[in-house]
C-alpha atoms as a PDB file:
ATOM      1  CA  MET A   1       0.000   0.000   0.000  1.00  0.00           C
ATOM      2  CA  PRO A   2       1.165   3.597  -0.471  1.00  0.00           C
ATOM      3  CA  ALA A   3       2.974   5.087   2.488  1.00  0.00           C
ATOM      4  CA  PRO A   4       0.499   6.885   4.739  1.00  0.00           C
ATOM      5  CA  ARG A   5       1.200  10.588   4.894  1.00  0.00           C
ATOM      6  CA  THR A   6       0.083  11.489   8.407  1.00  0.00           C
ATOM      7  CA  VAL A   7       0.821   9.121  11.291  1.00  0.00           C
ATOM      8  CA  LEU A   8      -0.215   9.570  14.908  1.00  0.00           C
ATOM      9  CA  LEU A   9       2.708   8.673  17.172  1.00  0.00           C
ATOM     10  CA  THR A  10       1.572   8.014  20.728  1.00  0.00           C
ATOM     11  CA  GLY A  11       4.187   7.924  23.456  1.00  0.00           C
ATOM     12  CA  ALA A  12       6.141  10.455  21.439  1.00  0.00           C
ATOM     13  CA  ALA A  13       8.023  11.823  24.468  1.00  0.00           C
ATOM     14  CA  GLY A  14       9.375   8.421  25.549  1.00  0.00           C
ATOM     15  CA  GLY A  15      12.721   6.917  24.686  1.00  0.00           C
ATOM     16  CA  LEU A  16      11.519   4.968  21.652  1.00  0.00           C
ATOM     17  CA  GLY A  17       9.151   7.742  20.617  1.00  0.00           C
ATOM     18  CA  THR A  18      11.997  10.261  20.689  1.00  0.00           C
ATOM     19  CA  LEU A  19      14.132   8.030  18.462  1.00  0.00           C
ATOM     20  CA  MET A  20      11.267   7.581  15.988  1.00  0.00           C
ATOM     21  CA  ARG A  21      10.523  11.309  15.921  1.00  0.00           C
ATOM     22  CA  GLY A  22      13.995  11.744  14.506  1.00  0.00           C
ATOM     23  CA  LEU A  23      13.983   8.847  12.040  1.00  0.00           C
ATOM     24  CA  LEU A  24      10.502   8.361  10.586  1.00  0.00           C
ATOM     25  CA  PRO A  25      10.119  11.724   8.797  1.00  0.00           C
ATOM     26  CA  ALA A  26      12.876  10.599   6.389  1.00  0.00           C
ATOM     27  CA  TYR A  27      10.388   8.022   5.096  1.00  0.00           C
ATOM     28  CA  GLY A  28       7.981  10.811   4.171  1.00  0.00           C
ATOM     29  CA  TYR A  29       5.747  10.724   7.228  1.00  0.00           C
ATOM     30  CA  GLU A  30       4.196  13.760   8.821  1.00  0.00           C
ATOM     31  CA  LEU A  31       3.984  12.853  12.512  1.00  0.00           C
ATOM     32  CA  ARG A  32       1.236  13.981  14.836  1.00  0.00           C
ATOM     33  CA  LEU A  33       2.650  13.670  18.348  1.00  0.00           C
ATOM     34  CA  PHE A  34       0.739  12.519  21.426  1.00  0.00           C
ATOM     35  CA  ASP A  35       2.003  12.021  24.956  1.00  0.00           C
ATOM     36  CA  ALA A  36       0.961  12.607  28.548  1.00  0.00           C
ATOM     37  CA  THR A  37       4.213  14.567  28.963  1.00  0.00           C
ATOM     38  CA  PRO A  38       4.843  17.850  27.129  1.00  0.00           C
ATOM     39  CA  ILE A  39       7.468  17.570  24.402  1.00  0.00           C
ATOM     40  CA  GLU A  40      10.020  20.367  24.417  1.00  0.00           C
ATOM     41  CA  GLY A  41      10.285  22.117  21.078  1.00  0.00           C
ATOM     42  CA  GLU A  42       7.037  20.579  19.777  1.00  0.00           C
ATOM     43  CA  PRO A  43       4.322  23.170  20.419  1.00  0.00           C
ATOM     44  CA  ASP A  44       1.792  21.319  18.252  1.00  0.00           C
ATOM     45  CA  ALA A  45       2.125  18.045  20.150  1.00  0.00           C
ATOM     46  CA  ILE A  46      -1.019  16.860  21.893  1.00  0.00           C
ATOM     47  CA  THR A  47      -0.492  16.583  25.634  1.00  0.00           C
ATOM     48  CA  ALA A  48      -3.114  14.242  27.050  1.00  0.00           C
ATOM     49  CA  ASP A  49      -3.599  10.922  28.780  1.00  0.00           C
ATOM     50  CA  LEU A  50      -4.921   7.773  27.088  1.00  0.00           C
ATOM     51  CA  ALA A  51      -7.880   8.004  29.459  1.00  0.00           C
ATOM     52  CA  ASP A  52      -8.942  11.253  27.747  1.00  0.00           C
ATOM     53  CA  LYS A  53     -11.300   9.907  25.110  1.00  0.00           C
ATOM     54  CA  GLU A  54     -12.099  13.326  23.651  1.00  0.00           C
ATOM     55  CA  ALA A  55      -8.406  14.104  23.194  1.00  0.00           C
ATOM     56  CA  LEU A  56      -7.892  10.736  21.513  1.00  0.00           C
ATOM     57  CA  ARG A  57     -10.767  11.377  19.104  1.00  0.00           C
ATOM     58  CA  GLU A  58      -9.192  14.686  18.154  1.00  0.00           C
ATOM     59  CA  ALA A  59      -5.760  13.099  17.863  1.00  0.00           C
ATOM     60  CA  VAL A  60      -6.843  10.432  15.387  1.00  0.00           C
ATOM     61  CA  GLN A  61      -8.999  12.670  13.215  1.00  0.00           C
ATOM     62  CA  GLY A  62      -7.589  12.785   9.709  1.00  0.00           C
ATOM     63  CA  VAL A  63      -4.575  10.538  10.271  1.00  0.00           C
ATOM     64  CA  ASP A  64      -3.768   7.716   7.888  1.00  0.00           C
ATOM     65  CA  ALA A  65      -2.279   5.366  10.473  1.00  0.00           C
ATOM     66  CA  ILE A  66      -1.178   5.089  14.103  1.00  0.00           C
ATOM     67  CA  ILE A  67       2.013   3.936  15.794  1.00  0.00           C
ATOM     68  CA  HIS A  68       1.009   3.160  19.366  1.00  0.00           C
ATOM     69  CA  LEU A  69       3.952   3.341  21.766  1.00  0.00           C
ATOM     70  CA  ALA A  70       2.254   5.016  24.736  1.00  0.00           C
ATOM     71  CA  GLY A  71       1.799   3.340  28.090  1.00  0.00           C
ATOM     72  CA  ILE A  72       3.823   1.881  30.927  1.00  0.00           C
ATOM     73  CA  SER A  73       6.921   0.098  29.607  1.00  0.00           C
ATOM     74  CA  LEU A  74       8.087  -1.621  32.814  1.00  0.00           C
ATOM     75  CA  GLU A  75       6.365  -3.582  35.550  1.00  0.00           C
ATOM     76  CA  SER A  76       3.908  -1.790  37.829  1.00  0.00           C
ATOM     77  CA  THR A  77       0.820  -2.511  39.869  1.00  0.00           C
ATOM     78  CA  PHE A  78      -2.036  -4.179  38.062  1.00  0.00           C
ATOM     79  CA  ASP A  79      -4.248  -1.108  38.589  1.00  0.00           C
ATOM     80  CA  LYS A  80      -1.735   1.168  36.876  1.00  0.00           C
ATOM     81  CA  ILE A  81      -1.128  -1.305  34.042  1.00  0.00           C
ATOM     82  CA  LEU A  82      -4.901  -1.691  33.660  1.00  0.00           C
ATOM     83  CA  ARG A  83      -5.467   2.035  33.242  1.00  0.00           C
ATOM     84  CA  ALA A  84      -2.507   2.862  31.029  1.00  0.00           C
ATOM     85  CA  ASN A  85      -1.920  -0.214  28.897  1.00  0.00           C
ATOM     86  CA  ILE A  86      -5.217  -2.079  28.799  1.00  0.00           C
ATOM     87  CA  GLU A  87      -7.935   0.562  29.060  1.00  0.00           C
ATOM     88  CA  GLY A  88      -5.698   3.095  27.294  1.00  0.00           C
ATOM     89  CA  THR A  89      -5.135   0.824  24.303  1.00  0.00           C
ATOM     90  CA  TYR A  90      -8.849   0.046  24.133  1.00  0.00           C
ATOM     91  CA  ASN A  91      -9.639   3.778  24.180  1.00  0.00           C
ATOM     92  CA  LEU A  92      -7.232   4.357  21.301  1.00  0.00           C
ATOM     93  CA  TYR A  93      -8.703   1.564  19.188  1.00  0.00           C
ATOM     94  CA  GLU A  94     -12.202   2.836  19.803  1.00  0.00           C
ATOM     95  CA  ALA A  95     -11.174   6.320  18.715  1.00  0.00           C
ATOM     96  CA  ALA A  96      -9.514   4.865  15.620  1.00  0.00           C
ATOM     97  CA  ARG A  97     -12.601   2.805  14.819  1.00  0.00           C
ATOM     98  CA  THR A  98     -14.883   5.804  15.184  1.00  0.00           C
ATOM     99  CA  GLU A  99     -12.681   7.960  12.947  1.00  0.00           C
ATOM    100  CA  GLY A 100     -12.038   5.256  10.352  1.00  0.00           C
ATOM    101  CA  VAL A 101      -8.290   4.801  10.817  1.00  0.00           C
ATOM    102  CA  GLY A 102      -7.488   1.534   9.101  1.00  0.00           C
ATOM    103  CA  ARG A 103      -3.904   0.691  10.117  1.00  0.00           C
ATOM    104  CA  THR A 104      -2.151   0.596  13.487  1.00  0.00           C
ATOM    105  CA  VAL A 105       1.323  -0.506  14.486  1.00  0.00           C
ATOM    106  CA  PHE A 106       1.074  -1.731  18.069  1.00  0.00           C
ATOM    107  CA  ALA A 107       4.154  -1.827  20.281  1.00  0.00           C
ATOM    108  CA  SER A 108       3.862  -5.267  21.783  1.00  0.00           C
ATOM    109  CA  SER A 109       6.832  -6.782  23.595  1.00  0.00           C
ATOM    110  CA  ASN A 110       8.963  -9.873  23.944  1.00  0.00           C
ATOM    111  CA  HIS A 111       7.634  -9.918  27.517  1.00  0.00           C
ATOM    112  CA  ALA A 112       4.359 -11.315  26.155  1.00  0.00           C
ATOM    113  CA  ILE A 113       6.341 -14.564  25.927  1.00  0.00           C
ATOM    114  CA  GLY A 114       8.863 -13.738  28.636  1.00  0.00           C
ATOM    115  CA  PHE A 115       8.599 -17.053  30.496  1.00  0.00           C
ATOM    116  CA  THR A 116       9.526 -18.964  27.340  1.00  0.00           C
ATOM    117  CA  PRO A 117      12.908 -20.649  27.909  1.00  0.00           C
ATOM    118  CA  ARG A 118      15.574 -18.902  25.889  1.00  0.00           C
ATOM    119  CA  PRO A 119      17.162 -20.925  23.086  1.00  0.00           C
ATOM    120  CA  GLN A 120      20.520 -22.509  23.867  1.00  0.00           C
ATOM    121  CA  GLY A 121      23.044 -24.242  21.675  1.00  0.00           C
ATOM    122  CA  ASP A 122      21.382 -25.763  18.636  1.00  0.00           C
ATOM    123  CA  ASP A 123      17.828 -24.978  19.803  1.00  0.00           C
ATOM    124  CA  PRO A 124      15.619 -23.642  16.991  1.00  0.00           C
ATOM    125  CA  LEU A 125      14.627 -20.004  16.849  1.00  0.00           C
ATOM    126  CA  ILE A 126      11.441 -19.155  18.745  1.00  0.00           C
ATOM    127  CA  PRO A 127       8.513 -18.984  16.300  1.00  0.00           C
ATOM    128  CA  VAL A 128       6.007 -16.179  16.428  1.00  0.00           C
ATOM    129  CA  GLU A 129       3.302 -18.792  17.039  1.00  0.00           C
ATOM    130  CA  THR A 130       4.857 -19.885  20.324  1.00  0.00           C
ATOM    131  CA  PRO A 131       2.286 -19.898  23.149  1.00  0.00           C
ATOM    132  CA  ARG A 132       2.242 -16.663  25.065  1.00  0.00           C
ATOM    133  CA  ARG A 133       3.762 -16.784  28.534  1.00  0.00           C
ATOM    134  CA  PRO A 134       3.838 -13.248  29.940  1.00  0.00           C
ATOM    135  CA  ASP A 135       6.434 -12.570  32.601  1.00  0.00           C
ATOM    136  CA  THR A 136       4.741  -9.578  34.278  1.00  0.00           C
ATOM    137  CA  PHE A 137       1.515  -7.598  34.375  1.00  0.00           C
ATOM    138  CA  TYR A 138       3.266  -5.475  31.752  1.00  0.00           C
ATOM    139  CA  GLY A 139       3.741  -8.525  29.520  1.00  0.00           C
ATOM    140  CA  LEU A 140       0.146  -9.538  30.194  1.00  0.00           C
ATOM    141  CA  SER A 141      -1.033  -6.153  28.938  1.00  0.00           C
ATOM    142  CA  LYS A 142       0.811  -6.773  25.678  1.00  0.00           C
ATOM    143  CA  CYS A 143      -1.007 -10.087  25.288  1.00  0.00           C
ATOM    144  CA  PHE A 144      -4.244  -8.137  25.715  1.00  0.00           C
ATOM    145  CA  GLY A 145      -3.164  -5.622  23.093  1.00  0.00           C
ATOM    146  CA  GLU A 146      -2.456  -8.355  20.583  1.00  0.00           C
ATOM    147  CA  ASP A 147      -5.857  -9.945  21.243  1.00  0.00           C
ATOM    148  CA  LEU A 148      -7.585  -6.568  21.012  1.00  0.00           C
ATOM    149  CA  ALA A 149      -5.919  -5.981  17.657  1.00  0.00           C
ATOM    150  CA  GLN A 150      -7.127  -9.393  16.445  1.00  0.00           C
ATOM    151  CA  LEU A 151     -10.663  -8.653  17.630  1.00  0.00           C
ATOM    152  CA  TYR A 152     -10.771  -5.289  15.866  1.00  0.00           C
ATOM    153  CA  TRP A 153      -9.530  -6.909  12.667  1.00  0.00           C
ATOM    154  CA  ASP A 154     -12.153  -9.654  12.847  1.00  0.00           C
ATOM    155  CA  LEU A 155     -15.011  -7.352  13.899  1.00  0.00           C
ATOM    156  CA  HIS A 156     -14.178  -4.110  12.154  1.00  0.00           C
ATOM    157  CA  GLY A 157     -11.556  -4.827   9.483  1.00  0.00           C
ATOM    158  CA  MET A 158      -8.963  -2.622  11.206  1.00  0.00           C
ATOM    159  CA  GLU A 159      -5.455  -3.809  10.374  1.00  0.00           C
ATOM    160  CA  THR A 160      -2.672  -4.021  12.945  1.00  0.00           C
ATOM    161  CA  VAL A 161       0.908  -5.165  12.984  1.00  0.00           C
ATOM    162  CA  SER A 162       1.803  -6.116  16.562  1.00  0.00           C
ATOM    163  CA  VAL A 163       5.565  -5.784  16.943  1.00  0.00           C
ATOM    164  CA  ARG A 164       7.081  -7.748  19.823  1.00  0.00           C
ATOM    165  CA  ILE A 165       9.898  -5.320  20.381  1.00  0.00           C
ATOM    166  CA  GLY A 166      13.105  -6.557  21.952  1.00  0.00           C
ATOM    167  CA  SER A 167      15.298  -3.705  23.229  1.00  0.00           C
ATOM    168  CA  CYS A 168      15.593  -0.577  21.100  1.00  0.00           C
ATOM    169  CA  PHE A 169      18.555   1.518  22.180  1.00  0.00           C
ATOM    170  CA  LEU A 170      21.468   3.145  20.380  1.00  0.00           C
ATOM    171  CA  GLU A 171      23.529   0.101  21.416  1.00  0.00           C
ATOM    172  CA  PRO A 172      22.949  -2.955  23.622  1.00  0.00           C
ATOM    173  CA  ASN A 173      23.956  -2.634  27.273  1.00  0.00           C
ATOM    174  CA  SER A 174      23.858  -6.286  28.379  1.00  0.00           C
ATOM    175  CA  VAL A 175      24.839  -9.716  27.086  1.00  0.00           C
ATOM    176  CA  ARG A 176      21.157 -10.693  26.957  1.00  0.00           C
ATOM    177  CA  MET A 177      20.460  -7.679  24.776  1.00  0.00           C
ATOM    178  CA  LEU A 178      22.880  -8.964  22.143  1.00  0.00           C
ATOM    179  CA  SER A 179      20.096 -11.416  21.206  1.00  0.00           C
ATOM    180  CA  VAL A 180      17.086  -9.078  21.307  1.00  0.00           C
ATOM    181  CA  TRP A 181      18.573  -5.717  20.260  1.00  0.00           C
ATOM    182  CA  LEU A 182      16.641  -3.629  17.747  1.00  0.00           C
ATOM    183  CA  SER A 183      18.728  -0.764  16.454  1.00  0.00           C
ATOM    184  CA  PRO A 184      16.876   2.534  16.045  1.00  0.00           C
ATOM    185  CA  GLY A 185      17.509   2.427  12.304  1.00  0.00           C
ATOM    186  CA  ASP A 186      16.084  -1.076  12.012  1.00  0.00           C
ATOM    187  CA  CYS A 187      13.127  -0.082  14.193  1.00  0.00           C
ATOM    188  CA  ALA A 188      12.274   2.702  11.747  1.00  0.00           C
ATOM    189  CA  ARG A 189      12.652   0.241   8.852  1.00  0.00           C
ATOM    190  CA  LEU A 190      10.346  -2.229  10.574  1.00  0.00           C
ATOM    191  CA  PHE A 191       7.718   0.387  11.392  1.00  0.00           C
ATOM    192  CA  HIS A 192       7.829   1.650   7.803  1.00  0.00           C
ATOM    193  CA  ALA A 193       7.342  -1.902   6.521  1.00  0.00           C
ATOM    194  CA  ALA A 194       4.458  -2.423   8.968  1.00  0.00           C
ATOM    195  CA  LEU A 195       2.786   0.773   7.782  1.00  0.00           C
ATOM    196  CA  THR A 196       3.086   0.008   4.073  1.00  0.00           C
ATOM    197  CA  ALA A 197       2.776  -3.774   3.636  1.00  0.00           C
ATOM    198  CA  GLU A 198      -0.316  -5.007   1.841  1.00  0.00           C
ATOM    199  CA  GLY A 199      -2.997  -7.130   3.482  1.00  0.00           C
ATOM    200  CA  VAL A 200      -1.534  -7.507   6.970  1.00  0.00           C
ATOM    201  CA  GLY A 201      -4.875  -8.217   8.708  1.00  0.00           C
ATOM    202  CA  HIS A 202      -3.555  -8.739  12.188  1.00  0.00           C
ATOM    203  CA  SER A 203       0.080  -9.811  11.987  1.00  0.00           C
ATOM    204  CA  VAL A 204       2.407 -10.504  14.901  1.00  0.00           C
ATOM    205  CA  VAL A 205       6.120 -10.043  14.274  1.00  0.00           C
ATOM    206  CA  TYR A 206       9.279  -9.954  16.351  1.00  0.00           C
ATOM    207  CA  GLY A 207      11.182  -6.696  16.431  1.00  0.00           C
ATOM    208  CA  SER A 208      14.945  -7.038  16.422  1.00  0.00           C
ATOM    209  CA  SER A 209      17.930  -6.513  14.209  1.00  0.00           C
ATOM    210  CA  ALA A 210      19.654  -9.319  12.313  1.00  0.00           C
ATOM    211  CA  ASN A 211      21.689 -10.257  15.366  1.00  0.00           C
ATOM    212  CA  THR A 212      24.200 -13.101  15.191  1.00  0.00           C
ATOM    213  CA  ARG A 213      22.863 -14.301  18.576  1.00  0.00           C
ATOM    214  CA  LEU A 214      19.199 -13.927  17.592  1.00  0.00           C
ATOM    215  CA  TRP A 215      16.683 -15.903  19.667  1.00  0.00           C
ATOM    216  CA  TRP A 216      13.530 -15.599  17.590  1.00  0.00           C
ATOM    217  CA  ASP A 217      12.359 -16.091  14.024  1.00  0.00           C
ATOM    218  CA  LEU A 218      12.046 -12.910  11.947  1.00  0.00           C
ATOM    219  CA  THR A 219      10.210 -14.605   9.064  1.00  0.00           C
ATOM    220  CA  SER A 220       6.889 -12.822   9.630  1.00  0.00           C
ATOM    221  CA  ALA A 221       8.658  -9.461   9.921  1.00  0.00           C
ATOM    222  CA  ARG A 222      10.588 -10.074   6.712  1.00  0.00           C
ATOM    223  CA  ALA A 223       7.286 -10.990   5.013  1.00  0.00           C
ATOM    224  CA  LEU A 224       6.241  -7.367   5.506  1.00  0.00           C
ATOM    225  CA  GLY A 225       9.279  -6.235   3.524  1.00  0.00           C
ATOM    226  CA  TYR A 226      11.483  -5.614   6.559  1.00  0.00           C
ATOM    227  CA  GLU A 227      15.192  -5.971   5.811  1.00  0.00           C
ATOM    228  CA  PRO A 228      17.245  -5.429   8.965  1.00  0.00           C
ATOM    229  CA  GLN A 229      20.637  -3.876   8.388  1.00  0.00           C
ATOM    230  CA  ASP A 230      22.291  -4.066  11.799  1.00  0.00           C
ATOM    231  CA  ASP A 231      23.823  -6.740  14.060  1.00  0.00           C
ATOM    232  CA  SER A 232      24.667  -6.449  17.755  1.00  0.00           C
ATOM    233  CA  GLU A 233      27.765  -8.624  17.384  1.00  0.00           C
ATOM    234  CA  GLN A 234      30.006  -5.572  17.100  1.00  0.00           C
ATOM    235  CA  PHE A 235      29.292  -4.934  20.803  1.00  0.00           C
ATOM    236  CA  ALA A 236      29.691  -8.532  21.973  1.00  0.00           C
ATOM    237  CA  GLU A 237      33.363  -8.638  22.902  1.00  0.00           C
ATOM    238  CA  LYS A 238      33.154  -5.628  25.205  1.00  0.00           C
ATOM    239  CA  LEU A 239      29.926  -6.718  26.923  1.00  0.00           C
ATOM    240  CA  ILE A 240      31.057 -10.311  27.461  1.00  0.00           C
ATOM    241  CA  ALA A 241      34.376  -9.104  28.897  1.00  0.00           C
ATOM    242  CA  GLU A 242      32.452  -6.952  31.382  1.00  0.00           C
ATOM    243  CA  GLN A 243      29.564  -9.287  32.232  1.00  0.00           C
ATOM    244  CA  GLY A 244      30.500 -12.798  31.154  1.00  0.00           C
ATOM    245  CA  GLU A 245      28.466 -15.165  29.007  1.00  0.00           C
ATOM    246  CA  LEU A 246      24.882 -16.022  29.922  1.00  0.00           C
ATOM    247  CA  ASP A 247      24.717 -18.807  32.498  1.00  0.00           C
ATOM    248  CA  PRO A 248      22.037 -21.488  31.873  1.00  0.00           C
ATOM    249  CA  ASP A 249      21.971 -22.230  35.614  1.00  0.00           C
ATOM    250  CA  ASN A 250      21.198 -18.602  36.479  1.00  0.00           C
ATOM    251  CA  ARG A 251      17.429 -18.049  36.658  1.00  0.00           C
ATOM    252  CA  ASP A 252      17.930 -14.454  35.464  1.00  0.00           C
ATOM    253  CA  HIS A 253      19.317 -15.910  32.235  1.00  0.00           C
ATOM    254  CA  ALA A 254      16.947 -18.862  31.822  1.00  0.00           C
ATOM    255  CA  PHE A 255      13.980 -17.155  30.186  1.00  0.00           C
ATOM    256  CA  LEU A 256      13.499 -14.990  27.152  1.00  0.00           C
ATOM    257  CA  GLY A 257      12.293 -12.140  29.378  1.00  0.00           C
ATOM    258  CA  GLY A 258      15.495 -12.068  31.434  1.00  0.00           C
ATOM    259  CA  THR A 259      15.145 -10.321  34.787  1.00  0.00           C
ATOM    260  CA  PHE A 260      11.516  -9.433  33.996  1.00  0.00           C
ATOM    261  CA  ALA A 261      10.800 -13.077  34.882  1.00  0.00           C
ATOM    262  CA  THR A 262      12.666 -12.885  38.203  1.00  0.00           C
ATOM    263  CA  ASN A 263      13.013  -9.307  39.493  1.00  0.00           C
ATOM    264  CA  PRO A 264      11.390  -6.964  36.963  1.00  0.00           C
ATOM    265  CA  PRO A 265      12.345  -3.293  36.815  1.00  0.00           C
ATOM    266  CA  ARG A 266       9.541  -1.152  38.170  1.00  0.00           C
ATOM    267  CA  TRP A 267       7.833   1.824  36.589  1.00  0.00           C
ATOM    268  CA  PRO A 268       8.950   4.843  38.609  1.00  0.00           C
ATOM    269  CA  TYR A 269       5.614   6.683  38.710  1.00  0.00           C
END
């Protein structure tokens, strides 16, 4: 499909949103920014919460597609996850349905399958069809988002690509991240592919670069036209020297979700 011109970017003030604000316009997108936090230097950004249904209706009016990054990105109480990630995502989809927005890219997470044992040795790559095993309330909310996207496709014909993002930073900062790293450049490539691929219905894909130590199968992402260009291996020697190799007997290293499955980092608010 032709590249959509105007894209609503929720969570635009966050770490990933900030990276995408800098990279996606090169693909020809005009971004409409939405976040609960004001964005310095962006006077036209919409500052509102996902609970504000009127603000969401206004935000989606006239856009061609949505990239939904907003919400809590670490573990928190169920009540906070419920409001931000579950009810908030529902509110966004309802606004999109009402305004006729036909394509969404949903920021799911590898933590939707975080209790899946990580591959070791000659184990096969984890398929996208692997049963979901969330490692936190946060991961559980991403399972909900994927199911909501499927429901809105089946009921209303609204297309979504749910991207199970690994770790999108300028460079990996742990040995685990060597396997799940998504470079900012590859993230923009993947989002662009998800926005422009034909006939996606509801598709679930993994979001990572073409890492030498990759844990999961990128076939469904490549089917969208995604061609990752980066590999975390350039950072491996330094990180392994500092942290050592992953230990299969260490519970922090046993699962795909890493420490989210044992002692998850907490949302600070």
